Amino acid sequence: MTGRRRAVVACGALALDVRRIARRRGWDLEVVPVPALLHNHPERIGGAVAELSADRDVVAVAYGDCGTYGALDSFPRLTGENCYDVFARDEVRAALEEEPGTYFLTDFLARTFEHAVWRELGLDRYPSLRDEYFRHYTRVVWLAQRPTPATRLAAARAAERLGLPLVEVEVGNAGLERQLERLLAPAGAATRAAG
């Protein structure tokens, strides 16, 4: 259809990064976020993406599989199982080879840990469950996209909540940008001159 702006339907955990990349690259895109808390109900993600895509010219879906068991595979989407793969596939694999009990944080998850993990898992009401839920984890690795003091503090607090040591690995968002570029190029999402 003509007159419709191209859109990227993005996981709420990735939408801010997708917007930043699109703005910097001069891509004329609407970024449509899907609530990040749907990760706690992955069976609902496919339906939410389809609903938000219905009236848009969707050129990409900024999601890994994220536990949907292929429900997003009918859309042009990011490669990988989850956002950890999107940001830092090689680093994630190396960290898991080194220490299989690694719990990962992205900037988004570090910033929203209290709500998205602690409260959503009921640990605010039943703190004794922490040791049961996280007993096989041995460390937290923060895959830092933009390591600001505030996000560093949030990552440290999350690791402290889990009673685990924190390792920071700066990864940036080049992996996400490369994948978006791959998805947008075939769709004819030409960049416009910045300025």
N, C-alpha and C. Protein backbone atom coordinates (compact mmCIF):
# COMPACT_ATOMS: atom_id res chain seq x y z
N MET A 1 0.84 -1.19 0.00
CA MET A 1 0.00 0.00 0.00
C MET A 1 0.87 1.24 0.00
N THR A 2 0.41 2.25 -0.65
CA THR A 2 1.16 3.49 -0.69
C THR A 2 0.71 4.39 0.45
N GLY A 3 1.58 5.34 0.79
CA GLY A 3 1.24 6.29 1.83
C GLY A 3 1.49 5.80 3.24
N ARG A 4 1.76 4.51 3.39
CA ARG A 4 2.04 4.00 4.73
C ARG A 4 3.53 4.05 4.98
N ARG A 5 3.89 4.49 6.13
CA ARG A 5 5.30 4.58 6.51
C ARG A 5 5.82 3.19 6.85
N ARG A 6 7.05 2.91 6.44
CA ARG A 6 7.65 1.62 6.79
C ARG A 6 7.81 1.54 8.29
N ALA A 7 7.65 0.32 8.83
CA ALA A 7 7.70 0.14 10.27
C ALA A 7 8.56 -1.05 10.65
N VAL A 8 9.16 -0.94 11.81
CA VAL A 8 9.83 -2.06 12.47
C VAL A 8 9.06 -2.30 13.75
N VAL A 9 8.47 -3.48 13.89
CA VAL A 9 7.81 -3.86 15.13
C VAL A 9 8.90 -4.45 16.01
N ALA A 10 9.10 -3.84 17.16
CA ALA A 10 10.25 -4.18 17.99
C ALA A 10 9.85 -4.61 19.39
N CYS A 11 10.56 -5.60 19.89
CA CYS A 11 10.44 -5.94 21.30
C CYS A 11 10.69 -4.69 22.11
N GLY A 12 9.92 -4.49 23.15
CA GLY A 12 10.09 -3.32 24.00
C GLY A 12 11.49 -3.20 24.57
N ALA A 13 12.19 -4.33 24.70
CA ALA A 13 13.56 -4.32 25.22
C ALA A 13 14.56 -3.81 24.18
N LEU A 14 14.17 -3.81 22.91
CA LEU A 14 15.06 -3.37 21.83
C LEU A 14 14.63 -2.06 21.18
N ALA A 15 13.42 -1.62 21.41
CA ALA A 15 12.85 -0.49 20.68
C ALA A 15 13.68 0.78 20.79
N LEU A 16 14.18 1.09 21.96
CA LEU A 16 14.97 2.30 22.14
C LEU A 16 16.25 2.24 21.30
N ASP A 17 16.92 1.09 21.30
CA ASP A 17 18.13 0.93 20.49
C ASP A 17 17.81 1.00 19.00
N VAL A 18 16.70 0.40 18.59
CA VAL A 18 16.30 0.46 17.18
C VAL A 18 16.04 1.91 16.77
N ARG A 19 15.36 2.67 17.62
CA ARG A 19 15.10 4.09 17.32
C ARG A 19 16.40 4.88 17.18
N ARG A 20 17.33 4.65 18.12
CA ARG A 20 18.61 5.37 18.06
C ARG A 20 19.35 5.07 16.76
N ILE A 21 19.39 3.80 16.40
CA ILE A 21 20.10 3.40 15.17
C ILE A 21 19.42 4.01 13.96
N ALA A 22 18.09 3.91 13.90
CA ALA A 22 17.35 4.46 12.76
C ALA A 22 17.57 5.96 12.62
N ARG A 23 17.53 6.66 13.73
CA ARG A 23 17.73 8.12 13.69
C ARG A 23 19.14 8.44 13.21
N ARG A 24 20.14 7.76 13.76
CA ARG A 24 21.52 8.03 13.37
C ARG A 24 21.78 7.69 11.91
N ARG A 25 21.16 6.61 11.44
CA ARG A 25 21.38 6.17 10.06
C ARG A 25 20.49 6.90 9.04
N GLY A 26 19.52 7.67 9.54
CA GLY A 26 18.63 8.40 8.66
C GLY A 26 17.56 7.52 8.02
N TRP A 27 17.21 6.44 8.67
CA TRP A 27 16.17 5.55 8.15
C TRP A 27 14.81 6.13 8.52
N ASP A 28 13.95 6.27 7.56
CA ASP A 28 12.61 6.81 7.78
C ASP A 28 11.70 5.64 8.16
N LEU A 29 11.67 5.36 9.46
CA LEU A 29 10.93 4.21 9.97
C LEU A 29 10.09 4.59 11.17
N GLU A 30 8.96 3.95 11.28
CA GLU A 30 8.20 4.00 12.52
C GLU A 30 8.65 2.78 13.34
N VAL A 31 9.02 3.00 14.58
CA VAL A 31 9.38 1.90 15.46
C VAL A 31 8.21 1.67 16.41
N VAL A 32 7.62 0.48 16.31
CA VAL A 32 6.41 0.15 17.07
C VAL A 32 6.79 -0.86 18.16
N PRO A 33 6.79 -0.44 19.42
CA PRO A 33 7.20 -1.37 20.48
C PRO A 33 6.09 -2.32 20.90
N VAL A 34 6.50 -3.53 21.22
CA VAL A 34 5.63 -4.54 21.82
C VAL A 34 6.04 -4.60 23.29
N PRO A 35 5.12 -4.68 24.23
CA PRO A 35 5.51 -4.70 25.65
C PRO A 35 6.55 -5.78 25.95
N ALA A 36 7.64 -5.36 26.57
CA ALA A 36 8.74 -6.29 26.88
C ALA A 36 8.30 -7.38 27.85
N LEU A 37 7.32 -7.10 28.69
CA LEU A 37 6.89 -8.12 29.66
C LEU A 37 6.23 -9.33 29.01
N LEU A 38 5.95 -9.24 27.71
CA LEU A 38 5.43 -10.43 27.03
C LEU A 38 6.46 -11.56 27.01
N HIS A 39 7.71 -11.26 27.31
CA HIS A 39 8.71 -12.33 27.41
C HIS A 39 8.32 -13.33 28.50
N ASN A 40 7.54 -12.87 29.46
CA ASN A 40 7.05 -13.78 30.50
C ASN A 40 5.89 -14.64 30.00
N HIS A 41 5.38 -14.32 28.81
CA HIS A 41 4.29 -15.06 28.17
C HIS A 41 4.60 -15.18 26.68
N PRO A 42 5.65 -15.90 26.31
CA PRO A 42 6.08 -15.92 24.90
C PRO A 42 5.02 -16.43 23.93
N GLU A 43 4.05 -17.18 24.43
CA GLU A 43 2.99 -17.66 23.54
C GLU A 43 2.12 -16.52 23.03
N ARG A 44 2.20 -15.35 23.64
CA ARG A 44 1.41 -14.18 23.22
C ARG A 44 2.16 -13.25 22.26
N ILE A 45 3.46 -13.45 22.12
CA ILE A 45 4.27 -12.52 21.32
C ILE A 45 3.85 -12.53 19.86
N GLY A 46 3.68 -13.69 19.27
CA GLY A 46 3.31 -13.78 17.86
C GLY A 46 2.02 -13.04 17.55
N GLY A 47 1.01 -13.21 18.39
CA GLY A 47 -0.26 -12.52 18.19
C GLY A 47 -0.13 -11.01 18.33
N ALA A 48 0.67 -10.58 19.30
CA ALA A 48 0.86 -9.14 19.50
C ALA A 48 1.58 -8.52 18.31
N VAL A 49 2.59 -9.21 17.80
CA VAL A 49 3.32 -8.70 16.63
C VAL A 49 2.39 -8.65 15.42
N ALA A 50 1.61 -9.70 15.22
CA ALA A 50 0.68 -9.73 14.08
C ALA A 50 -0.34 -8.60 14.18
N GLU A 51 -0.85 -8.36 15.37
CA GLU A 51 -1.84 -7.30 15.56
C GLU A 51 -1.25 -5.92 15.26
N LEU A 52 -0.04 -5.68 15.76
CA LEU A 52 0.60 -4.38 15.53
C LEU A 52 1.07 -4.22 14.09
N SER A 53 1.22 -5.32 13.37
CA SER A 53 1.67 -5.29 11.98
C SER A 53 0.53 -5.09 11.00
N ALA A 54 -0.68 -5.36 11.43
CA ALA A 54 -1.83 -5.44 10.52
C ALA A 54 -2.01 -4.21 9.64
N ASP A 55 -1.87 -3.02 10.18
CA ASP A 55 -2.13 -1.80 9.41
C ASP A 55 -0.85 -1.03 9.09
N ARG A 56 0.27 -1.74 9.06
CA ARG A 56 1.55 -1.09 8.80
C ARG A 56 2.30 -1.81 7.70
N ASP A 57 3.21 -1.10 7.08
CA ASP A 57 4.11 -1.68 6.09
C ASP A 57 5.34 -2.16 6.85
N VAL A 58 5.24 -3.34 7.44
CA VAL A 58 6.30 -3.86 8.30
C VAL A 58 7.43 -4.42 7.45
N VAL A 59 8.61 -3.84 7.61
CA VAL A 59 9.77 -4.30 6.86
C VAL A 59 10.67 -5.20 7.71
N ALA A 60 10.48 -5.17 9.02
CA ALA A 60 11.29 -6.02 9.90
C ALA A 60 10.62 -6.14 11.27
N VAL A 61 10.92 -7.25 11.92
CA VAL A 61 10.50 -7.47 13.30
C VAL A 61 11.77 -7.61 14.13
N ALA A 62 11.95 -6.69 15.07
CA ALA A 62 13.15 -6.69 15.90
C ALA A 62 12.92 -7.57 17.12
N TYR A 63 13.00 -8.86 16.86
CA TYR A 63 12.87 -9.90 17.88
C TYR A 63 13.79 -11.04 17.49
N GLY A 64 14.32 -11.73 18.49
CA GLY A 64 14.86 -13.06 18.26
C GLY A 64 13.66 -13.99 18.32
N ASP A 65 13.88 -15.28 18.44
CA ASP A 65 12.74 -16.18 18.58
C ASP A 65 12.05 -15.98 19.94
N CYS A 66 12.83 -15.76 20.97
CA CYS A 66 12.33 -15.40 22.31
C CYS A 66 11.28 -16.36 22.86
N GLY A 67 11.46 -17.64 22.61
CA GLY A 67 10.55 -18.63 23.17
C GLY A 67 9.24 -18.78 22.44
N THR A 68 9.12 -18.22 21.23
CA THR A 68 7.86 -18.31 20.48
C THR A 68 7.76 -19.58 19.65
N TYR A 69 8.83 -20.36 19.61
CA TYR A 69 8.87 -21.61 18.84
C TYR A 69 8.44 -21.40 17.39
N GLY A 70 9.01 -20.35 16.78
CA GLY A 70 8.79 -20.10 15.36
C GLY A 70 7.58 -19.24 15.02
N ALA A 71 6.86 -18.74 16.01
CA ALA A 71 5.66 -17.94 15.72
C ALA A 71 5.98 -16.64 14.99
N LEU A 72 7.23 -16.20 15.03
CA LEU A 72 7.61 -14.96 14.35
C LEU A 72 8.31 -15.22 13.02
N ASP A 73 8.46 -16.47 12.65
CA ASP A 73 9.24 -16.80 11.46
C ASP A 73 8.58 -16.40 10.15
N SER A 74 7.31 -16.04 10.17
CA SER A 74 6.67 -15.57 8.93
C SER A 74 7.01 -14.11 8.64
N PHE A 75 7.67 -13.45 9.60
CA PHE A 75 8.10 -12.06 9.43
C PHE A 75 9.60 -12.03 9.18
N PRO A 76 10.08 -11.03 8.45
CA PRO A 76 11.53 -10.85 8.39
C PRO A 76 11.99 -10.38 9.77
N ARG A 77 12.78 -11.19 10.45
CA ARG A 77 13.14 -10.86 11.84
C ARG A 77 14.63 -11.02 12.08
N LEU A 78 15.06 -10.59 13.24
CA LEU A 78 16.45 -10.71 13.65
C LEU A 78 16.82 -12.18 13.78
N THR A 79 18.07 -12.48 13.53
CA THR A 79 18.58 -13.84 13.69
C THR A 79 18.98 -14.04 15.14
N GLY A 80 18.64 -15.17 15.68
CA GLY A 80 19.05 -15.49 17.05
C GLY A 80 17.89 -15.95 17.89
N GLU A 81 18.24 -16.56 18.98
CA GLU A 81 17.23 -17.06 19.90
C GLU A 81 16.64 -15.95 20.77
N ASN A 82 17.45 -14.93 21.06
CA ASN A 82 17.03 -13.88 21.99
C ASN A 82 17.87 -12.64 21.77
N CYS A 83 17.63 -11.60 22.56
CA CYS A 83 18.36 -10.35 22.36
C CYS A 83 19.83 -10.48 22.73
N TYR A 84 20.18 -11.45 23.56
CA TYR A 84 21.60 -11.64 23.88
C TYR A 84 22.34 -12.04 22.61
N ASP A 85 21.74 -12.94 21.82
CA ASP A 85 22.32 -13.33 20.54
C ASP A 85 22.41 -12.14 19.59
N VAL A 86 21.41 -11.29 19.60
CA VAL A 86 21.36 -10.14 18.70
C VAL A 86 22.50 -9.17 19.00
N PHE A 87 22.71 -8.88 20.27
CA PHE A 87 23.74 -7.92 20.65
C PHE A 87 25.15 -8.51 20.62
N ALA A 88 25.28 -9.76 21.02
CA ALA A 88 26.63 -10.28 21.26
C ALA A 88 26.69 -11.81 21.16
N ARG A 89 26.34 -12.35 20.04
CA ARG A 89 26.28 -13.80 19.88
C ARG A 89 27.60 -14.49 20.26
N ASP A 90 28.72 -14.00 19.75
CA ASP A 90 30.01 -14.62 20.04
C ASP A 90 30.39 -14.52 21.51
N GLU A 91 30.15 -13.36 22.10
CA GLU A 91 30.47 -13.15 23.51
C GLU A 91 29.61 -14.04 24.41
N VAL A 92 28.35 -14.21 24.05
CA VAL A 92 27.45 -15.06 24.83
C VAL A 92 27.93 -16.50 24.78
N ARG A 93 28.26 -16.97 23.60
CA ARG A 93 28.73 -18.35 23.48
C ARG A 93 30.03 -18.58 24.25
N ALA A 94 30.94 -17.62 24.17
CA ALA A 94 32.20 -17.73 24.90
C ALA A 94 31.95 -17.73 26.41
N ALA A 95 31.06 -16.86 26.88
CA ALA A 95 30.76 -16.80 28.31
C ALA A 95 30.15 -18.11 28.80
N LEU A 96 29.26 -18.71 27.99
CA LEU A 96 28.63 -19.97 28.39
C LEU A 96 29.61 -21.14 28.34
N GLU A 97 30.54 -21.11 27.40
CA GLU A 97 31.57 -22.15 27.37
C GLU A 97 32.46 -22.05 28.60
N GLU A 98 32.79 -20.82 28.97
CA GLU A 98 33.65 -20.59 30.13
C GLU A 98 32.94 -20.95 31.42
N GLU A 99 31.68 -20.54 31.52
CA GLU A 99 30.91 -20.75 32.74
C GLU A 99 29.44 -20.93 32.38
N PRO A 100 28.99 -22.20 32.28
CA PRO A 100 27.60 -22.46 31.84
C PRO A 100 26.54 -21.81 32.72
N GLY A 101 26.84 -21.55 33.96
CA GLY A 101 25.87 -20.95 34.88
C GLY A 101 25.86 -19.44 34.82
N THR A 102 25.86 -18.88 33.61
CA THR A 102 25.90 -17.43 33.44
C THR A 102 24.50 -16.88 33.21
N TYR A 103 24.13 -15.88 34.00
CA TYR A 103 22.88 -15.16 33.82
C TYR A 103 23.21 -13.86 33.13
N PHE A 104 22.51 -13.55 32.03
CA PHE A 104 22.83 -12.37 31.24
C PHE A 104 21.87 -11.22 31.50
N LEU A 105 22.43 -10.03 31.45
CA LEU A 105 21.66 -8.79 31.48
C LEU A 105 22.02 -7.98 30.24
N THR A 106 21.04 -7.33 29.66
CA THR A 106 21.27 -6.27 28.69
C THR A 106 21.06 -4.96 29.44
N ASP A 107 21.30 -3.84 28.78
CA ASP A 107 21.03 -2.55 29.43
C ASP A 107 19.57 -2.48 29.87
N PHE A 108 18.67 -2.87 28.99
CA PHE A 108 17.24 -2.81 29.31
C PHE A 108 16.92 -3.67 30.53
N LEU A 109 17.42 -4.89 30.54
CA LEU A 109 17.12 -5.79 31.65
C LEU A 109 17.76 -5.31 32.95
N ALA A 110 18.94 -4.71 32.86
CA ALA A 110 19.56 -4.15 34.06
C ALA A 110 18.68 -3.03 34.63
N ARG A 111 18.22 -2.15 33.74
CA ARG A 111 17.41 -1.01 34.18
C ARG A 111 16.04 -1.42 34.71
N THR A 112 15.48 -2.49 34.19
CA THR A 112 14.12 -2.89 34.57
C THR A 112 14.09 -4.14 35.44
N PHE A 113 15.24 -4.58 35.92
CA PHE A 113 15.34 -5.84 36.66
C PHE A 113 14.35 -5.91 37.82
N GLU A 114 14.26 -4.85 38.58
CA GLU A 114 13.39 -4.86 39.76
C GLU A 114 11.95 -5.23 39.39
N HIS A 115 11.46 -4.65 38.32
CA HIS A 115 10.08 -4.93 37.90
C HIS A 115 9.99 -6.20 37.05
N ALA A 116 10.81 -6.25 35.98
CA ALA A 116 10.68 -7.32 34.99
C ALA A 116 11.07 -8.69 35.52
N VAL A 117 11.97 -8.74 36.48
CA VAL A 117 12.41 -10.04 37.01
C VAL A 117 11.94 -10.20 38.46
N TRP A 118 12.38 -9.32 39.32
CA TRP A 118 12.15 -9.51 40.75
C TRP A 118 10.65 -9.58 41.09
N ARG A 119 9.90 -8.59 40.63
CA ARG A 119 8.46 -8.58 40.95
C ARG A 119 7.68 -9.59 40.11
N GLU A 120 8.03 -9.69 38.83
CA GLU A 120 7.31 -10.61 37.95
C GLU A 120 7.46 -12.06 38.40
N LEU A 121 8.60 -12.42 38.98
CA LEU A 121 8.80 -13.77 39.49
C LEU A 121 8.26 -13.93 40.92
N GLY A 122 7.75 -12.84 41.48
CA GLY A 122 7.18 -12.90 42.83
C GLY A 122 8.21 -12.88 43.93
N LEU A 123 9.45 -12.53 43.61
CA LEU A 123 10.51 -12.52 44.62
C LEU A 123 10.35 -11.39 45.62
N ASP A 124 9.60 -10.37 45.27
CA ASP A 124 9.31 -9.30 46.23
C ASP A 124 8.40 -9.82 47.34
N ARG A 125 7.57 -10.80 47.01
CA ARG A 125 6.65 -11.39 47.99
C ARG A 125 7.22 -12.64 48.64
N TYR A 126 8.03 -13.37 47.88
CA TYR A 126 8.59 -14.64 48.37
C TYR A 126 10.10 -14.68 48.12
N PRO A 127 10.87 -13.87 48.84
CA PRO A 127 12.31 -13.77 48.58
C PRO A 127 13.06 -15.08 48.75
N SER A 128 12.50 -16.00 49.51
CA SER A 128 13.18 -17.29 49.69
C SER A 128 13.25 -18.10 48.40
N LEU A 129 12.42 -17.74 47.41
CA LEU A 129 12.45 -18.45 46.13
C LEU A 129 13.68 -18.10 45.30
N ARG A 130 14.36 -17.01 45.64
CA ARG A 130 15.53 -16.61 44.87
C ARG A 130 16.54 -17.75 44.73
N ASP A 131 16.85 -18.37 45.85
CA ASP A 131 17.86 -19.43 45.82
C ASP A 131 17.40 -20.63 45.00
N GLU A 132 16.11 -20.86 44.96
CA GLU A 132 15.59 -21.96 44.14
C GLU A 132 15.64 -21.60 42.65
N TYR A 133 15.16 -20.41 42.32
CA TYR A 133 15.12 -19.98 40.91
C TYR A 133 16.51 -19.85 40.30
N PHE A 134 17.45 -19.36 41.10
CA PHE A 134 18.77 -19.00 40.56
C PHE A 134 19.89 -19.90 41.09
N ARG A 135 19.57 -21.05 41.62
CA ARG A 135 20.59 -21.87 42.27
C ARG A 135 21.66 -22.39 41.33
N HIS A 136 21.37 -22.50 40.05
CA HIS A 136 22.37 -23.03 39.11
C HIS A 136 23.21 -21.93 38.45
N TYR A 137 22.91 -20.70 38.77
CA TYR A 137 23.69 -19.60 38.22
C TYR A 137 24.90 -19.31 39.11
N THR A 138 26.01 -18.96 38.47
CA THR A 138 27.23 -18.70 39.21
C THR A 138 27.74 -17.27 39.04
N ARG A 139 27.22 -16.57 38.05
CA ARG A 139 27.63 -15.18 37.83
C ARG A 139 26.61 -14.48 36.95
N VAL A 140 26.70 -13.15 36.95
CA VAL A 140 25.89 -12.31 36.07
C VAL A 140 26.85 -11.64 35.08
N VAL A 141 26.55 -11.74 33.80
CA VAL A 141 27.31 -11.01 32.78
C VAL A 141 26.40 -9.95 32.19
N TRP A 142 26.83 -8.71 32.34
CA TRP A 142 26.10 -7.58 31.77
C TRP A 142 26.68 -7.30 30.40
N LEU A 143 25.87 -7.51 29.36
CA LEU A 143 26.24 -7.19 27.98
C LEU A 143 25.91 -5.72 27.76
N ALA A 144 26.87 -4.87 28.04
CA ALA A 144 26.64 -3.42 28.08
C ALA A 144 26.61 -2.83 26.68
N GLN A 145 25.46 -2.24 26.34
CA GLN A 145 25.37 -1.54 25.07
C GLN A 145 25.89 -0.11 25.21
N ARG A 146 25.43 0.58 26.23
CA ARG A 146 25.86 1.95 26.53
C ARG A 146 26.12 2.00 28.03
N PRO A 147 27.34 1.71 28.46
CA PRO A 147 27.61 1.59 29.90
C PRO A 147 27.68 2.93 30.63
N THR A 148 26.51 3.46 30.93
CA THR A 148 26.43 4.71 31.69
C THR A 148 26.56 4.39 33.18
N PRO A 149 26.92 5.37 34.00
CA PRO A 149 26.99 5.13 35.45
C PRO A 149 25.67 4.60 36.02
N ALA A 150 24.55 5.14 35.55
CA ALA A 150 23.24 4.70 36.07
C ALA A 150 22.96 3.24 35.71
N THR A 151 23.27 2.84 34.48
CA THR A 151 23.02 1.46 34.09
C THR A 151 24.01 0.52 34.77
N ARG A 152 25.23 0.98 34.95
CA ARG A 152 26.22 0.16 35.68
C ARG A 152 25.74 -0.10 37.10
N LEU A 153 25.21 0.93 37.75
CA LEU A 153 24.67 0.79 39.10
C LEU A 153 23.49 -0.18 39.11
N ALA A 154 22.62 -0.06 38.12
CA ALA A 154 21.46 -0.96 38.03
C ALA A 154 21.90 -2.41 37.84
N ALA A 155 22.92 -2.64 37.01
CA ALA A 155 23.44 -4.00 36.81
C ALA A 155 24.04 -4.54 38.11
N ALA A 156 24.76 -3.69 38.81
CA ALA A 156 25.35 -4.11 40.09
C ALA A 156 24.26 -4.46 41.10
N ARG A 157 23.20 -3.68 41.14
CA ARG A 157 22.09 -3.97 42.06
C ARG A 157 21.40 -5.29 41.70
N ALA A 158 21.23 -5.54 40.41
CA ALA A 158 20.61 -6.80 39.98
C ALA A 158 21.46 -7.98 40.41
N ALA A 159 22.76 -7.89 40.18
CA ALA A 159 23.66 -8.98 40.58
C ALA A 159 23.64 -9.17 42.09
N GLU A 160 23.60 -8.07 42.82
CA GLU A 160 23.54 -8.15 44.28
C GLU A 160 22.25 -8.82 44.73
N ARG A 161 21.14 -8.49 44.08
CA ARG A 161 19.85 -9.12 44.40
C ARG A 161 19.94 -10.64 44.24
N LEU A 162 20.68 -11.06 43.22
CA LEU A 162 20.82 -12.49 42.94
C LEU A 162 21.91 -13.14 43.77
N GLY A 163 22.71 -12.32 44.45
CA GLY A 163 23.80 -12.85 45.25
C GLY A 163 24.92 -13.42 44.41
N LEU A 164 25.14 -12.81 43.23
CA LEU A 164 26.14 -13.31 42.28
C LEU A 164 27.12 -12.21 41.90
N PRO A 165 28.35 -12.60 41.55
CA PRO A 165 29.30 -11.60 41.07
C PRO A 165 28.90 -11.09 39.69
N LEU A 166 29.28 -9.84 39.41
CA LEU A 166 28.95 -9.19 38.14
C LEU A 166 30.19 -9.06 37.28
N VAL A 167 30.05 -9.41 36.01
CA VAL A 167 31.09 -9.20 35.01
C VAL A 167 30.50 -8.30 33.93
N GLU A 168 31.21 -7.25 33.59
CA GLU A 168 30.75 -6.33 32.54
C GLU A 168 31.50 -6.63 31.25
N VAL A 169 30.74 -6.82 30.17
CA VAL A 169 31.32 -7.02 28.85
C VAL A 169 30.70 -5.97 27.93
N GLU A 170 31.50 -5.02 27.49
CA GLU A 170 30.98 -3.96 26.64
C GLU A 170 30.83 -4.49 25.21
N VAL A 171 29.59 -4.46 24.70
CA VAL A 171 29.31 -5.02 23.37
C VAL A 171 28.74 -3.99 22.40
N GLY A 172 28.26 -2.85 22.90
CA GLY A 172 27.66 -1.86 22.01
C GLY A 172 26.40 -2.40 21.37
N ASN A 173 26.00 -1.80 20.25
CA ASN A 173 24.82 -2.30 19.55
C ASN A 173 25.10 -2.56 18.07
N ALA A 174 26.38 -2.78 17.74
CA ALA A 174 26.76 -3.05 16.35
C ALA A 174 26.10 -4.31 15.81
N GLY A 175 25.95 -5.33 16.65
CA GLY A 175 25.28 -6.56 16.22
C GLY A 175 23.85 -6.31 15.81
N LEU A 176 23.13 -5.54 16.60
CA LEU A 176 21.76 -5.17 16.27
C LEU A 176 21.73 -4.33 15.00
N GLU A 177 22.64 -3.40 14.87
CA GLU A 177 22.66 -2.53 13.69
C GLU A 177 22.93 -3.34 12.42
N ARG A 178 23.87 -4.27 12.47
CA ARG A 178 24.15 -5.12 11.30
C ARG A 178 22.93 -5.93 10.89
N GLN A 179 22.23 -6.46 11.88
CA GLN A 179 21.04 -7.25 11.57
C GLN A 179 19.92 -6.39 10.99
N LEU A 180 19.73 -5.20 11.54
CA LEU A 180 18.71 -4.30 10.99
C LEU A 180 19.06 -3.91 9.57
N GLU A 181 20.31 -3.61 9.33
CA GLU A 181 20.75 -3.25 7.99
C GLU A 181 20.47 -4.39 7.00
N ARG A 182 20.75 -5.61 7.42
CA ARG A 182 20.49 -6.79 6.58
C ARG A 182 19.00 -6.91 6.26
N LEU A 183 18.16 -6.68 7.25
CA LEU A 183 16.72 -6.81 7.05
C LEU A 183 16.14 -5.67 6.23
N LEU A 184 16.64 -4.48 6.43
CA LEU A 184 16.07 -3.32 5.76
C LEU A 184 16.54 -3.16 4.32
N ALA A 185 17.74 -3.59 4.01
CA ALA A 185 18.27 -3.43 2.65
C ALA A 185 17.39 -4.12 1.61
N PRO A 186 17.00 -5.39 1.80
CA PRO A 186 16.16 -6.03 0.78
C PRO A 186 14.79 -5.38 0.66
N ALA A 187 14.33 -4.73 1.72
CA ALA A 187 13.00 -4.12 1.70
C ALA A 187 13.03 -2.73 1.07
N GLY A 188 14.21 -2.32 0.61
CA GLY A 188 14.30 -1.03 -0.05
C GLY A 188 14.28 0.14 0.91
N ALA A 189 14.69 -0.09 2.15
CA ALA A 189 14.70 1.00 3.13
C ALA A 189 15.97 1.81 2.92
N ALA A 190 15.94 2.66 1.96
CA ALA A 190 17.12 3.48 1.66
C ALA A 190 17.31 4.52 2.74
N THR A 191 18.55 4.85 2.96
CA THR A 191 18.82 5.90 3.93
C THR A 191 18.66 7.24 3.25
N ARG A 192 18.19 8.18 4.00
CA ARG A 192 18.11 9.55 3.48
C ARG A 192 19.27 10.34 4.05
N ALA A 193 19.64 11.35 3.39
CA ALA A 193 20.79 12.13 3.82
C ALA A 193 20.52 12.73 5.18
N ALA A 194 21.51 12.59 6.06
CA ALA A 194 21.37 13.17 7.39
C ALA A 194 21.50 14.68 7.29
N GLY A 195 20.73 15.38 8.11
CA GLY A 195 20.87 16.83 8.16
C GLY A 195 19.67 17.50 7.82
